[in-house]
């Protein structure tokens, strides 16, 4: 278990055997809140990896095979409109489920980092991974945060797939038809990663502009 199968901004994923992987957060922390959300959604039939163990900074999960939606889009295996449909459908299905803890009946479980790199296209169905940022609240915050993430890529001059990200953003907003709570989404992104204010301002302006069409 020396070479990760995959590495993200915060965690590395290692193969344990043919059926399980270990997700380990490099900065430590307690994975139990993330595991509780995943177990709750799994019981309700939402497509998340099954959790086998959650201890310290480690999550033991069912091993899944398939490219991420981002990889499939880059390779041309999935067209942009289909990718946007997948992304919007996963939001709709998540927000149709009752919240686990919130008292407000309008609140739902929110992923808050639901973008193509966090969707695995398995043979059975798309599966949503990386629930570290999950919370409960108004569904609009989740869809707008996804739009903002896409817009960050679309407005990055150094991003090789900026044009693809912009097209994906346009189709995604056409599906979800909302860009509410944009200021709250910007504040969330500022707290959860190395996203500078100028970058976020450009992305927010694009979301607002595309969302008005």
Protein backbone atom coordinates (compact mmCIF):
# COMPACT_ATOMS: atom_id res chain seq x y z
CA UNK A 1 0.00 0.00 0.00
CA UNK A 2 2.78 2.39 -0.91
CA UNK A 3 1.56 3.85 -4.20
CA UNK A 4 -1.89 5.50 -4.20
CA UNK A 5 -4.48 4.49 -6.76
CA UNK A 6 -5.53 8.13 -6.82
CA UNK A 7 -4.71 11.38 -5.05
CA UNK A 8 -6.81 14.48 -4.54
CA UNK A 9 -6.28 17.84 -2.91
CA UNK A 10 -6.75 16.44 0.62
CA UNK A 11 -6.56 12.65 0.47
CA UNK A 12 -4.92 9.61 -1.09
CA UNK A 13 -6.74 6.41 -2.06
CA UNK A 14 -5.04 3.01 -1.74
CA UNK A 15 -6.15 -0.44 -2.89
CA UNK A 16 -6.65 -2.89 -0.02
CA UNK A 17 -7.82 -5.78 -2.21
CA UNK A 18 -10.02 -6.36 -5.24
CA UNK A 19 -13.11 -5.15 -3.40
CA UNK A 20 -12.04 -2.39 -1.00
CA UNK A 21 -10.02 0.82 -0.97
CA UNK A 22 -8.66 2.99 1.82
CA UNK A 23 -9.14 6.75 1.64
CA UNK A 24 -6.67 8.54 3.95
CA UNK A 25 -6.67 12.29 4.61
CA UNK A 26 -3.15 13.66 4.65
CA UNK A 27 -3.87 16.34 7.26
CA UNK A 28 -5.64 13.92 9.59
CA UNK A 29 -9.04 14.70 11.04
CA UNK A 30 -12.13 12.70 11.95
CA UNK A 31 -13.87 10.93 9.07
CA UNK A 32 -16.88 9.82 11.12
CA UNK A 33 -19.16 12.73 10.10
CA UNK A 34 -18.43 12.03 6.43
CA UNK A 35 -19.03 8.31 6.94
CA UNK A 36 -22.35 8.93 8.70
CA UNK A 37 -23.62 10.99 5.76
CA UNK A 38 -22.51 8.34 3.27
CA UNK A 39 -24.13 5.53 5.25
CA UNK A 40 -27.37 7.49 5.51
CA UNK A 41 -27.47 8.15 1.77
CA UNK A 42 -26.51 4.56 0.96
CA UNK A 43 -29.46 3.31 3.02
CA UNK A 44 -31.76 5.61 1.02
CA UNK A 45 -30.44 4.25 -2.27
CA UNK A 46 -28.38 7.25 -3.35
CA UNK A 47 -25.26 6.24 -5.34
CA UNK A 48 -22.33 6.53 -2.91
CA UNK A 49 -19.57 4.03 -2.10
CA UNK A 50 -20.45 1.69 0.76
CA UNK A 51 -18.51 2.44 3.95
CA UNK A 52 -16.89 -0.55 5.66
CA UNK A 53 -14.82 1.23 8.29
CA UNK A 54 -14.37 4.81 9.50
CA UNK A 55 -11.62 5.53 11.99
CA UNK A 56 -9.42 8.57 12.55
CA UNK A 57 -8.44 9.95 9.15
CA UNK A 58 -9.22 6.71 7.28
CA UNK A 59 -12.28 5.54 5.38
CA UNK A 60 -12.50 1.98 4.10
CA UNK A 61 -14.85 1.90 1.12
CA UNK A 62 -16.12 -0.42 -1.59
CA UNK A 63 -13.75 -0.33 -4.54
CA UNK A 64 -15.35 1.06 -7.69
CA UNK A 65 -14.11 0.91 -11.26
CA UNK A 66 -14.61 3.45 -13.99
CA UNK A 67 -13.42 6.86 -15.14
CA UNK A 68 -14.47 10.06 -13.49
CA UNK A 69 -16.95 12.16 -15.42
CA UNK A 70 -14.12 14.67 -15.92
CA UNK A 71 -11.91 12.01 -17.52
CA UNK A 72 -14.74 10.82 -19.76
CA UNK A 73 -15.48 14.39 -20.89
CA UNK A 74 -11.81 15.05 -21.67
CA UNK A 75 -11.55 11.82 -23.65
CA UNK A 76 -14.71 12.56 -25.62
CA UNK A 77 -16.37 9.41 -24.25
CA UNK A 78 -19.22 11.53 -22.87
CA UNK A 79 -20.52 14.64 -24.63
CA UNK A 80 -20.97 17.87 -22.71
CA UNK A 81 -24.76 17.87 -22.76
CA UNK A 82 -24.87 14.33 -21.38
CA UNK A 83 -22.32 15.27 -18.73
CA UNK A 84 -24.46 18.23 -17.65
CA UNK A 85 -27.52 15.96 -17.50
CA UNK A 86 -25.66 13.52 -15.23
CA UNK A 87 -24.52 16.32 -12.96
CA UNK A 88 -27.98 17.90 -12.73
CA UNK A 89 -29.69 14.54 -12.18
CA UNK A 90 -27.39 13.69 -9.27
CA UNK A 91 -28.29 17.02 -7.67
CA UNK A 92 -32.01 16.44 -8.21
CA UNK A 93 -31.88 12.95 -6.72
CA UNK A 94 -29.86 14.09 -3.71
CA UNK A 95 -32.15 17.01 -2.99
CA UNK A 96 -35.25 14.82 -3.24
CA UNK A 97 -34.13 13.00 -0.07
CA UNK A 98 -34.93 14.23 3.44
CA UNK A 99 -32.17 15.80 5.48
CA UNK A 100 -30.65 13.63 8.18
CA UNK A 101 -30.45 16.19 11.01
CA UNK A 102 -31.89 19.56 9.97
CA UNK A 103 -35.14 20.76 11.54
CA UNK A 104 -36.16 22.92 8.59
CA UNK A 105 -38.22 20.66 6.31
CA UNK A 106 -36.90 22.52 3.27
CA UNK A 107 -33.27 21.66 4.06
CA UNK A 108 -31.53 18.78 2.34
CA UNK A 109 -28.19 16.97 2.41
CA UNK A 110 -25.72 19.03 0.37
CA UNK A 111 -22.52 17.71 -1.17
CA UNK A 112 -20.96 21.16 -1.73
CA UNK A 113 -18.20 19.81 -3.98
CA UNK A 114 -20.24 17.99 -6.61
CA UNK A 115 -18.34 18.38 -9.87
CA UNK A 116 -17.15 16.00 -12.62
CA UNK A 117 -14.00 14.90 -10.77
CA UNK A 118 -16.15 13.62 -7.91
CA UNK A 119 -18.41 11.47 -10.08
CA UNK A 120 -17.28 7.95 -10.99
CA UNK A 121 -18.90 6.40 -14.07
CA UNK A 122 -19.16 2.76 -13.02
CA UNK A 123 -20.70 0.07 -15.22
CA UNK A 124 -23.86 0.20 -13.12
CA UNK A 125 -24.40 3.94 -12.66
CA UNK A 126 -22.66 7.23 -11.82
CA UNK A 127 -21.48 7.26 -8.18
CA UNK A 128 -20.72 10.38 -6.12
CA UNK A 129 -17.51 10.36 -4.06
CA UNK A 130 -15.72 12.70 -1.62
CA UNK A 131 -18.31 13.82 0.93
CA UNK A 132 -15.84 15.70 3.13
CA UNK A 133 -17.57 19.07 2.61
CA UNK A 134 -21.13 17.80 2.99
CA UNK A 135 -23.62 19.72 5.11
CA UNK A 136 -27.36 20.36 5.31
CA UNK A 137 -29.17 23.42 4.04
CA UNK A 138 -31.00 24.88 1.04
CA UNK A 139 -30.53 22.89 -2.20
CA UNK A 140 -29.80 26.09 -4.15
CA UNK A 141 -26.51 26.45 -2.28
CA UNK A 142 -25.40 23.06 -3.59
CA UNK A 143 -26.30 23.68 -7.24
CA UNK A 144 -24.83 27.19 -7.17
CA UNK A 145 -21.60 25.91 -5.61
CA UNK A 146 -21.30 23.39 -8.44
CA UNK A 147 -21.89 26.17 -10.98
CA UNK A 148 -19.23 28.28 -9.29
CA UNK A 149 -16.70 25.43 -9.42
CA UNK A 150 -17.35 24.97 -13.14
CA UNK A 151 -17.02 28.72 -13.67
CA UNK A 152 -13.67 28.75 -11.85
CA UNK A 153 -12.35 26.32 -14.45
CA UNK A 154 -14.05 28.20 -17.29
CA UNK A 155 -12.42 31.52 -16.34
CA UNK A 156 -8.94 30.10 -15.69
CA UNK A 157 -6.75 31.22 -18.58
CA UNK A 158 -4.28 28.41 -17.83
CA UNK A 159 -6.90 25.66 -17.79
CA UNK A 160 -6.62 23.54 -20.96
CA UNK A 161 -10.32 22.70 -20.85
CA UNK A 162 -11.72 26.14 -20.05
CA UNK A 163 -13.97 26.12 -23.11
CA UNK A 164 -15.34 22.70 -22.20
CA UNK A 165 -16.01 23.86 -18.63
CA UNK A 166 -17.90 26.90 -19.90
CA UNK A 167 -20.06 24.78 -22.18
CA UNK A 168 -20.72 22.38 -19.31
CA UNK A 169 -21.68 25.30 -17.07
CA UNK A 170 -24.12 26.63 -19.67
CA UNK A 171 -25.88 23.28 -20.06
CA UNK A 172 -25.86 22.61 -16.30
CA UNK A 173 -27.51 25.94 -15.50
CA UNK A 174 -30.02 25.25 -18.25
CA UNK A 175 -30.97 22.08 -16.38
CA UNK A 176 -31.08 23.36 -12.79
CA UNK A 177 -32.39 26.83 -13.67
CA UNK A 178 -31.13 28.52 -10.50
CA UNK A 179 -28.15 30.55 -9.33
CA UNK A 180 -29.52 31.55 -5.93
CA UNK A 181 -27.30 32.14 -2.91
CA UNK A 182 -24.33 33.08 -5.08
CA UNK A 183 -22.71 35.22 -2.37
CA UNK A 184 -23.01 32.33 0.08
CA UNK A 185 -21.44 29.94 -2.44
CA UNK A 186 -18.52 32.34 -2.97
CA UNK A 187 -17.99 32.58 0.80
CA UNK A 188 -18.08 28.79 1.08
CA UNK A 189 -15.47 28.34 -1.65
CA UNK A 190 -13.26 30.96 -0.01
CA UNK A 191 -13.34 28.96 3.24
CA UNK A 192 -12.78 25.49 1.79
CA UNK A 193 -9.77 25.89 -0.47
CA UNK A 194 -7.06 28.05 -1.99
CA UNK A 195 -9.45 30.11 -4.09
CA UNK A 196 -8.31 33.72 -4.34
CA UNK A 197 -10.84 36.57 -4.30
CA UNK A 198 -10.10 37.66 -7.87
CA UNK A 199 -10.61 34.12 -9.19
CA UNK A 200 -13.87 33.76 -7.27
CA UNK A 201 -15.11 37.17 -8.43
CA UNK A 202 -14.52 36.23 -12.09
CA UNK A 203 -16.27 32.91 -11.59
CA UNK A 204 -19.24 34.48 -9.79
CA UNK A 205 -19.67 37.05 -12.55
CA UNK A 206 -19.76 34.29 -15.15
CA UNK A 207 -22.32 32.28 -13.16
CA UNK A 208 -24.54 35.35 -12.82
CA UNK A 209 -24.21 36.19 -16.51
CA UNK A 210 -24.92 32.68 -17.80
CA UNK A 211 -27.68 32.16 -15.26
CA UNK A 212 -29.61 35.17 -16.56
CA UNK A 213 -29.90 33.81 -20.06
